[in-house]
C-alpha atoms as a PDB file:
ATOM      1  CA  MET A   1      45.285   3.455 -63.046  1.00  0.00           C
ATOM      2  CA  ILE A   2      47.880   4.889 -60.712  1.00  0.00           C
ATOM      3  CA  SER A   3      46.438   8.009 -59.155  1.00  0.00           C
ATOM      4  CA  ASP A   4      48.327  11.227 -58.512  1.00  0.00           C
ATOM      5  CA  VAL A   5      45.044  13.028 -57.877  1.00  0.00           C
ATOM      6  CA  ALA A   6      43.638  13.780 -54.442  1.00  0.00           C
ATOM      7  CA  GLY A   7      40.383  11.872 -54.142  1.00  0.00           C
ATOM      8  CA  ASP A   8      41.234   9.509 -57.031  1.00  0.00           C
ATOM      9  CA  ASP A   9      38.547  10.861 -59.381  1.00  0.00           C
ATOM     10  CA  PRO A  10      39.117   8.857 -62.609  1.00  0.00           C
ATOM     11  CA  THR A  11      38.065  11.820 -64.751  1.00  0.00           C
ATOM     12  CA  HIS A  12      41.105  13.708 -63.408  1.00  0.00           C
ATOM     13  CA  ILE A  13      43.731  10.949 -63.409  1.00  0.00           C
ATOM     14  CA  ALA A  14      45.917  11.595 -66.474  1.00  0.00           C
ATOM     15  CA  SER A  15      42.993  13.755 -67.714  1.00  0.00           C
ATOM     16  CA  GLY A  16      40.781  10.662 -67.859  1.00  0.00           C
ATOM     17  CA  PRO A  17      41.536   9.370 -71.386  1.00  0.00           C
ATOM     18  CA  CYS A  18      39.291   6.292 -70.939  1.00  0.00           C
ATOM     19  CA  THR A  19      36.709   7.923 -68.701  1.00  0.00           C
ATOM     20  CA  PRO A  20      33.396   9.662 -69.484  1.00  0.00           C
ATOM     21  CA  ASP A  21      33.819  13.420 -69.284  1.00  0.00           C
ATOM     22  CA  PRO A  22      30.991  15.115 -67.373  1.00  0.00           C
ATOM     23  CA  SER A  23      32.291  18.622 -68.083  1.00  0.00           C
ATOM     24  CA  THR A  24      30.944  20.763 -70.921  1.00  0.00           C
ATOM     25  CA  TYR A  25      31.937  23.728 -73.066  1.00  0.00           C
ATOM     26  CA  ILE A  26      29.585  25.829 -70.954  1.00  0.00           C
ATOM     27  CA  ASP A  27      31.445  24.766 -67.792  1.00  0.00           C
ATOM     28  CA  ALA A  28      34.734  25.919 -69.322  1.00  0.00           C
ATOM     29  CA  LEU A  29      33.261  29.271 -70.299  1.00  0.00           C
ATOM     30  CA  HIS A  30      31.896  29.774 -66.789  1.00  0.00           C
ATOM     31  CA  ILE A  31      35.380  29.174 -65.350  1.00  0.00           C
ATOM     32  CA  LEU A  32      36.954  31.692 -67.735  1.00  0.00           C
ATOM     33  CA  ASN A  33      34.357  34.286 -66.835  1.00  0.00           C
ATOM     34  CA  ARG A  34      34.372  33.599 -63.088  1.00  0.00           C
ATOM     35  CA  LEU A  35      38.156  33.860 -62.808  1.00  0.00           C
ATOM     36  CA  GLY A  36      38.493  36.667 -65.330  1.00  0.00           C
ATOM     37  CA  ILE A  37      40.817  34.667 -67.578  1.00  0.00           C
ATOM     38  CA  ASP A  38      41.644  36.427 -70.841  1.00  0.00           C
ATOM     39  CA  ALA A  39      41.778  33.356 -73.080  1.00  0.00           C
ATOM     40  CA  PRO A  40      43.171  33.616 -76.616  1.00  0.00           C
ATOM     41  CA  PRO A  41      40.422  34.547 -79.101  1.00  0.00           C
ATOM     42  CA  GLY A  42      40.660  31.166 -80.859  1.00  0.00           C
ATOM     43  CA  VAL A  43      40.139  29.281 -77.592  1.00  0.00           C
ATOM     44  CA  ARG A  44      37.131  31.356 -76.564  1.00  0.00           C
ATOM     45  CA  ARG A  45      35.650  31.093 -80.028  1.00  0.00           C
ATOM     46  CA  HIS A  46      36.013  27.292 -79.976  1.00  0.00           C
ATOM     47  CA  LEU A  47      34.331  27.080 -76.560  1.00  0.00           C
ATOM     48  CA  GLU A  48      31.506  29.379 -77.610  1.00  0.00           C
ATOM     49  CA  GLN A  49      30.920  27.346 -80.745  1.00  0.00           C
ATOM     50  CA  GLY A  50      30.873  24.185 -78.660  1.00  0.00           C
ATOM     51  CA  ALA A  51      28.390  25.689 -76.235  1.00  0.00           C
ATOM     52  CA  ALA A  52      26.197  26.510 -79.223  1.00  0.00           C
ATOM     53  CA  GLY A  53      26.369  22.905 -80.428  1.00  0.00           C
ATOM     54  CA  LEU A  54      28.632  23.665 -83.382  1.00  0.00           C
ATOM     55  CA  GLN A  55      31.572  21.551 -82.120  1.00  0.00           C
ATOM     56  CA  HIS A  56      31.767  17.890 -81.146  1.00  0.00           C
ATOM     57  CA  ASP A  57      31.986  17.379 -77.403  1.00  0.00           C
ATOM     58  CA  THR A  58      33.838  14.702 -75.434  1.00  0.00           C
ATOM     59  CA  PRO A  59      32.002  11.405 -74.713  1.00  0.00           C
ATOM     60  CA  LYS A  60      29.697  11.760 -71.721  1.00  0.00           C
ATOM     61  CA  PRO A  61      28.565   9.266 -69.042  1.00  0.00           C
ATOM     62  CA  GLY A  62      26.350   6.665 -70.652  1.00  0.00           C
ATOM     63  CA  SER A  63      28.093   6.828 -74.014  1.00  0.00           C
ATOM     64  CA  SER A  64      28.244   3.461 -75.797  1.00  0.00           C
ATOM     65  CA  CYS A  65      31.982   3.874 -76.409  1.00  0.00           C
ATOM     66  CA  PHE A  66      32.569   2.977 -72.760  1.00  0.00           C
ATOM     67  CA  SER A  67      30.452  -0.191 -72.783  1.00  0.00           C
ATOM     68  CA  ARG A  68      33.553  -2.425 -72.788  1.00  0.00           C
ATOM     69  CA  VAL A  69      35.706  -0.250 -70.567  1.00  0.00           C
ATOM     70  CA  SER A  70      36.521  -1.140 -66.959  1.00  0.00           C
ATOM     71  CA  GLN A  71      38.808   0.793 -64.651  1.00  0.00           C
ATOM     72  CA  HIS A  72      40.952  -0.492 -61.820  1.00  0.00           C
ATOM     73  CA  LEU A  73      42.923   1.635 -59.357  1.00  0.00           C
ATOM     74  CA  ILE A  74      46.175  -0.177 -58.562  1.00  0.00           C
ATOM     75  CA  GLY A  75      48.075   2.609 -56.830  1.00  0.00           C
ATOM     76  CA  SER A  76      47.132   5.739 -54.894  1.00  0.00           C
ATOM     77  CA  ALA A  77      48.169   7.983 -52.035  1.00  0.00           C
ATOM     78  CA  GLN A  78      45.889   6.054 -49.707  1.00  0.00           C
ATOM     79  CA  SER A  79      47.412   2.691 -50.646  1.00  0.00           C
ATOM     80  CA  SER A  80      50.916   4.085 -50.127  1.00  0.00           C
ATOM     81  CA  LEU A  81      49.950   5.363 -46.673  1.00  0.00           C
ATOM     82  CA  GLU A  82      48.384   2.033 -45.775  1.00  0.00           C
ATOM     83  CA  ALA A  83      51.593   0.272 -46.843  1.00  0.00           C
ATOM     84  CA  ALA A  84      53.610   2.677 -44.693  1.00  0.00           C
ATOM     85  CA  SER A  85      51.274   2.085 -41.760  1.00  0.00           C
ATOM     86  CA  SER A  86      51.810  -1.670 -42.103  1.00  0.00           C
ATOM     87  CA  PHE A  87      55.578  -1.162 -42.215  1.00  0.00           C
ATOM     88  CA  PHE A  88      55.593   0.868 -39.008  1.00  0.00           C
ATOM     89  CA  GLY A  89      53.320  -1.673 -37.387  1.00  0.00           C
ATOM     90  CA  GLU A  90      55.824  -4.394 -38.178  1.00  0.00           C
ATOM     91  CA  GLN A  91      58.432  -2.317 -36.308  1.00  0.00           C
ATOM     92  CA  GLY A  92      56.146  -2.088 -33.295  1.00  0.00           C
ATOM     93  CA  ILE A  93      55.288   1.561 -33.942  1.00  0.00           C
ATOM     94  CA  PRO A  94      51.585   2.478 -34.144  1.00  0.00           C
ATOM     95  CA  ALA A  95      50.686   4.679 -37.120  1.00  0.00           C
ATOM     96  CA  ILE A  96      47.789   7.050 -37.719  1.00  0.00           C
ATOM     97  CA  ILE A  97      46.819   8.112 -41.248  1.00  0.00           C
ATOM     98  CA  LEU A  98      45.713  11.731 -41.002  1.00  0.00           C
ATOM     99  CA  SER A  99      44.515  12.066 -44.596  1.00  0.00           C
ATOM    100  CA  ASP A 100      45.474  11.095 -48.150  1.00  0.00           C
ATOM    101  CA  ARG A 101      44.284  14.382 -49.651  1.00  0.00           C
ATOM    102  CA  ILE A 102      45.867  17.239 -47.725  1.00  0.00           C
ATOM    103  CA  SER A 103      46.173  20.347 -49.883  1.00  0.00           C
ATOM    104  CA  GLY A 104      46.636  24.066 -49.348  1.00  0.00           C
ATOM    105  CA  ASP A 105      49.689  26.071 -48.362  1.00  0.00           C
ATOM    106  CA  ALA A 106      52.676  24.012 -47.170  1.00  0.00           C
ATOM    107  CA  GLU A 107      53.481  26.379 -44.308  1.00  0.00           C
ATOM    108  CA  VAL A 108      49.886  26.408 -43.072  1.00  0.00           C
ATOM    109  CA  THR A 109      49.814  22.602 -43.202  1.00  0.00           C
ATOM    110  CA  ALA A 110      53.040  22.459 -41.195  1.00  0.00           C
ATOM    111  CA  ARG A 111      51.622  24.760 -38.523  1.00  0.00           C
ATOM    112  CA  GLN A 112      48.475  22.632 -38.313  1.00  0.00           C
ATOM    113  CA  HIS A 113      50.515  19.473 -37.857  1.00  0.00           C
ATOM    114  CA  ALA A 114      52.680  21.161 -35.238  1.00  0.00           C
ATOM    115  CA  ALA A 115      49.542  22.220 -33.371  1.00  0.00           C
ATOM    116  CA  LEU A 116      48.291  18.649 -33.520  1.00  0.00           C
ATOM    117  CA  LEU A 117      51.555  17.430 -32.026  1.00  0.00           C
ATOM    118  CA  SER A 118      51.421  19.974 -29.225  1.00  0.00           C
ATOM    119  CA  GLY A 119      48.087  18.540 -28.142  1.00  0.00           C
ATOM    120  CA  LEU A 120      49.341  14.967 -27.947  1.00  0.00           C
ATOM    121  CA  SER A 121      50.820  13.378 -24.845  1.00  0.00           C
ATOM    122  CA  ILE A 122      53.114  10.716 -26.234  1.00  0.00           C
ATOM    123  CA  ASN A 123      55.561   8.527 -24.384  1.00  0.00           C
ATOM    124  CA  ASP A 124      55.871   5.666 -26.841  1.00  0.00           C
ATOM    125  CA  PRO A 125      56.739   6.110 -30.537  1.00  0.00           C
ATOM    126  CA  LEU A 126      53.937   7.093 -32.904  1.00  0.00           C
ATOM    127  CA  ALA A 127      53.965   7.739 -36.640  1.00  0.00           C
ATOM    128  CA  LEU A 128      51.611  10.298 -38.190  1.00  0.00           C
ATOM    129  CA  LEU A 129      51.160   9.763 -41.932  1.00  0.00           C
ATOM    130  CA  SER A 130      49.647  12.022 -44.572  1.00  0.00           C
ATOM    131  CA  GLY A 131      49.461  12.411 -48.325  1.00  0.00           C
ATOM    132  CA  GLY A 132      48.113  14.830 -50.904  1.00  0.00           C
ATOM    133  CA  GLU A 133      49.787  17.866 -52.450  1.00  0.00           C
ATOM    134  CA  THR A 134      50.390  21.217 -50.815  1.00  0.00           C
ATOM    135  CA  THR A 135      51.387  24.464 -52.530  1.00  0.00           C
ATOM    136  CA  VAL A 136      54.040  27.119 -51.993  1.00  0.00           C
ATOM    137  CA  THR A 137      53.593  30.880 -52.172  1.00  0.00           C
ATOM    138  CA  VAL A 138      56.594  32.178 -54.104  1.00  0.00           C
ATOM    139  CA  CYS A 139      58.089  35.328 -52.565  1.00  0.00           C
ATOM    140  CA  ASN A 140      61.521  34.999 -54.154  1.00  0.00           C
ATOM    141  CA  PRO A 141      61.629  33.941 -57.831  1.00  0.00           C
ATOM    142  CA  GLU A 142      65.322  33.114 -57.402  1.00  0.00           C
ATOM    143  CA  GLY A 143      64.689  30.739 -54.516  1.00  0.00           C
ATOM    144  CA  CYS A 144      65.002  26.959 -54.763  1.00  0.00           C
ATOM    145  CA  GLY A 145      62.859  24.399 -53.033  1.00  0.00           C
ATOM    146  CA  GLY A 146      59.623  22.477 -53.404  1.00  0.00           C
ATOM    147  CA  ARG A 147      56.535  22.073 -51.297  1.00  0.00           C
ATOM    148  CA  ASN A 148      57.911  19.196 -49.231  1.00  0.00           C
ATOM    149  CA  SER A 149      61.109  20.930 -48.184  1.00  0.00           C
ATOM    150  CA  ALA A 150      59.100  24.091 -47.452  1.00  0.00           C
ATOM    151  CA  TYR A 151      56.691  22.064 -45.322  1.00  0.00           C
ATOM    152  CA  LEU A 152      59.532  20.503 -43.346  1.00  0.00           C
ATOM    153  CA  LEU A 153      61.332  23.786 -42.765  1.00  0.00           C
ATOM    154  CA  ALA A 154      58.105  25.384 -41.530  1.00  0.00           C
ATOM    155  CA  LEU A 155      57.452  22.349 -39.316  1.00  0.00           C
ATOM    156  CA  ALA A 156      60.946  22.513 -37.796  1.00  0.00           C
ATOM    157  CA  ILE A 157      60.546  26.220 -37.047  1.00  0.00           C
ATOM    158  CA  GLU A 158      57.109  25.752 -35.527  1.00  0.00           C
ATOM    159  CA  LEU A 159      58.186  22.840 -33.347  1.00  0.00           C
ATOM    160  CA  GLY A 160      61.470  24.336 -32.226  1.00  0.00           C
ATOM    161  CA  GLU A 161      63.291  21.859 -30.009  1.00  0.00           C
ATOM    162  CA  ARG A 162      60.437  21.124 -27.623  1.00  0.00           C
ATOM    163  CA  ARG A 163      60.237  17.378 -28.145  1.00  0.00           C
ATOM    164  CA  PRO A 164      61.837  14.516 -30.044  1.00  0.00           C
ATOM    165  CA  VAL A 165      60.382  14.716 -33.541  1.00  0.00           C
ATOM    166  CA  TRP A 166      61.680  13.276 -36.773  1.00  0.00           C
ATOM    167  CA  ALA A 167      59.893  13.914 -40.067  1.00  0.00           C
ATOM    168  CA  LEU A 168      60.239  13.105 -43.741  1.00  0.00           C
ATOM    169  CA  ALA A 169      58.321  14.612 -46.648  1.00  0.00           C
ATOM    170  CA  CYS A 170      58.890  13.574 -50.253  1.00  0.00           C
ATOM    171  CA  ASP A 171      57.190  13.663 -53.614  1.00  0.00           C
ATOM    172  CA  THR A 172      56.711  10.060 -54.655  1.00  0.00           C
ATOM    173  CA  ASP A 173      57.799  10.849 -58.222  1.00  0.00           C
ATOM    174  CA  GLY A 174      61.259  11.665 -56.866  1.00  0.00           C
ATOM    175  CA  ILE A 175      61.225  15.379 -57.723  1.00  0.00           C
ATOM    176  CA  ASP A 176      60.140  18.005 -55.200  1.00  0.00           C
ATOM    177  CA  GLY A 177      59.494  21.145 -57.201  1.00  0.00           C
ATOM    178  CA  THR A 178      62.184  21.740 -59.813  1.00  0.00           C
ATOM    179  CA  GLU A 179      65.300  20.509 -58.031  1.00  0.00           C
ATOM    180  CA  ASN A 180      66.976  17.090 -57.932  1.00  0.00           C
ATOM    181  CA  ASN A 181      65.617  16.011 -54.553  1.00  0.00           C
ATOM    182  CA  ALA A 182      62.487  14.099 -53.666  1.00  0.00           C
ATOM    183  CA  GLY A 183      62.238  15.970 -50.369  1.00  0.00           C
ATOM    184  CA  ALA A 184      64.111  16.162 -47.092  1.00  0.00           C
ATOM    185  CA  VAL A 185      64.144  15.122 -43.435  1.00  0.00           C
ATOM    186  CA  ILE A 186      64.179  16.952 -40.118  1.00  0.00           C
ATOM    187  CA  THR A 187      65.531  15.691 -36.801  1.00  0.00           C
ATOM    188  CA  PRO A 188      65.285  16.997 -33.220  1.00  0.00           C
ATOM    189  CA  ASP A 189      68.544  18.919 -33.709  1.00  0.00           C
ATOM    190  CA  THR A 190      67.807  20.411 -37.157  1.00  0.00           C
ATOM    191  CA  LEU A 191      67.572  23.992 -35.918  1.00  0.00           C
ATOM    192  CA  ALA A 192      70.604  23.639 -33.639  1.00  0.00           C
ATOM    193  CA  ARG A 193      72.722  22.339 -36.511  1.00  0.00           C
ATOM    194  CA  ALA A 194      71.410  25.104 -38.755  1.00  0.00           C
ATOM    195  CA  GLN A 195      72.322  27.778 -36.233  1.00  0.00           C
ATOM    196  CA  LYS A 196      75.785  26.289 -35.856  1.00  0.00           C
ATOM    197  CA  SER A 197      76.182  26.437 -39.641  1.00  0.00           C
ATOM    198  CA  GLY A 198      75.045  30.062 -39.786  1.00  0.00           C
ATOM    199  CA  LEU A 199      71.748  29.269 -41.498  1.00  0.00           C
ATOM    200  CA  ASP A 200      68.756  31.529 -40.903  1.00  0.00           C
ATOM    201  CA  ALA A 201      65.835  29.087 -40.906  1.00  0.00           C
ATOM    202  CA  ALA A 202      63.107  31.737 -40.933  1.00  0.00           C
ATOM    203  CA  GLY A 203      64.888  33.708 -43.636  1.00  0.00           C
ATOM    204  CA  CYS A 204      65.299  30.620 -45.817  1.00  0.00           C
ATOM    205  CA  LEU A 205      61.606  29.824 -45.446  1.00  0.00           C
ATOM    206  CA  HIS A 206      60.512  33.354 -46.304  1.00  0.00           C
ATOM    207  CA  ASP A 207      62.852  33.557 -49.308  1.00  0.00           C
ATOM    208  CA  ASN A 208      61.846  30.140 -50.688  1.00  0.00           C
ATOM    209  CA  ARG A 209      65.330  28.739 -50.049  1.00  0.00           C
ATOM    210  CA  SER A 210      64.342  25.492 -48.333  1.00  0.00           C
ATOM    211  CA  TYR A 211      66.463  23.475 -50.781  1.00  0.00           C
ATOM    212  CA  GLU A 212      69.536  25.489 -49.825  1.00  0.00           C
ATOM    213  CA  PHE A 213      68.733  25.037 -46.135  1.00  0.00           C
ATOM    214  CA  PHE A 214      68.502  21.248 -46.229  1.00  0.00           C
ATOM    215  CA  SER A 215      71.304  20.874 -48.748  1.00  0.00           C
ATOM    216  CA  SER A 216      73.658  22.760 -46.422  1.00  0.00           C
ATOM    217  CA  LEU A 217      72.726  20.364 -43.600  1.00  0.00           C
ATOM    218  CA  GLY A 218      73.065  17.268 -45.770  1.00  0.00           C
ATOM    219  CA  ASP A 219      69.419  16.414 -45.106  1.00  0.00           C
ATOM    220  CA  LEU A 220      68.019  16.264 -48.633  1.00  0.00           C
ATOM    221  CA  VAL A 221      66.437  13.016 -49.804  1.00  0.00           C
ATOM    222  CA  VAL A 222      67.598  12.243 -53.343  1.00  0.00           C
ATOM    223  CA  THR A 223      66.099   9.200 -55.049  1.00  0.00           C
ATOM    224  CA  GLY A 224      66.087  10.197 -58.683  1.00  0.00           C
ATOM    225  CA  PRO A 225      62.888   9.923 -60.755  1.00  0.00           C
ATOM    226  CA  THR A 226      60.784   6.982 -59.554  1.00  0.00           C
ATOM    227  CA  ARG A 227      58.745   6.776 -62.793  1.00  0.00           C
ATOM    228  CA  THR A 228      55.500   6.801 -60.843  1.00  0.00           C
ATOM    229  CA  ASN A 229      53.511   9.252 -58.742  1.00  0.00           C
ATOM    230  CA  VAL A 230      50.973   8.871 -55.943  1.00  0.00           C
ATOM    231  CA  ASN A 231      51.241  12.424 -54.602  1.00  0.00           C
ATOM    232  CA  ASP A 232      53.369  13.365 -51.609  1.00  0.00           C
ATOM    233  CA  TYR A 233      54.315  11.171 -48.677  1.00  0.00           C
ATOM    234  CA  ARG A 234      54.788  12.684 -45.241  1.00  0.00           C
ATOM    235  CA  VAL A 235      55.603  10.966 -41.972  1.00  0.00           C
ATOM    236  CA  ILE A 236      56.128  12.532 -38.546  1.00  0.00           C
ATOM    237  CA  LEU A 237      57.707  10.210 -35.997  1.00  0.00           C
ATOM    238  CA  VAL A 238      57.318  11.328 -32.410  1.00  0.00           C
ATOM    239  CA  GLY A 239      58.204   9.919 -29.017  1.00  0.00           C
ATOM    240  CA  LYS A 240      61.259   8.031 -27.832  1.00  0.00           C
ATOM    241  CA  VAL A 241      62.736   5.730 -30.473  1.00  0.00           C
END
């Protein structure tokens, strides 16, 4: 398996086609009721019939159909971060893996990482690595940009030009959101170049126009589809390089 799931739970990777399913019809009904989801009548009827034992359920842990099944994780966010850490180490740059399962709002994550940087006293280069998948709150349906470009724009704004910081954030499948880029990069002069180009960084972030922002600066990362996915990859490089 190649995992694009935070935590690498095999029941969630590709919906776990070769994995025992611990969930039940009753679990699904509880979710519908708890979240107030108005499911189509046919769906609710099917779940209710299953809960009553009138429908076949998925194979559960201990089922004999899995007696000859073994599972091997050959790729994950954590393994990608470990590979990146080894690469930086080979360049003489220490690397710290913050987490392989960061989730939540991209802007909030960026502010947290900026706060972490502000508390560090760094003279030599250091790489901070993280994976997982953040989310974006859409304020402008016409805006363009994914979670990685939104994260970077928020990080650039939060950091300002206080210290030498370079950062890259990309979706490892090559597509950040719905555009043609995997992500983008920021440099110590990102905001200065944006101001010179007449770009309103805060306005672009608020209006979900992070793609436009980085495209105008020529700082998009475009790889094309990679045909694989181990969540997002983020690196913040700080210090003198």
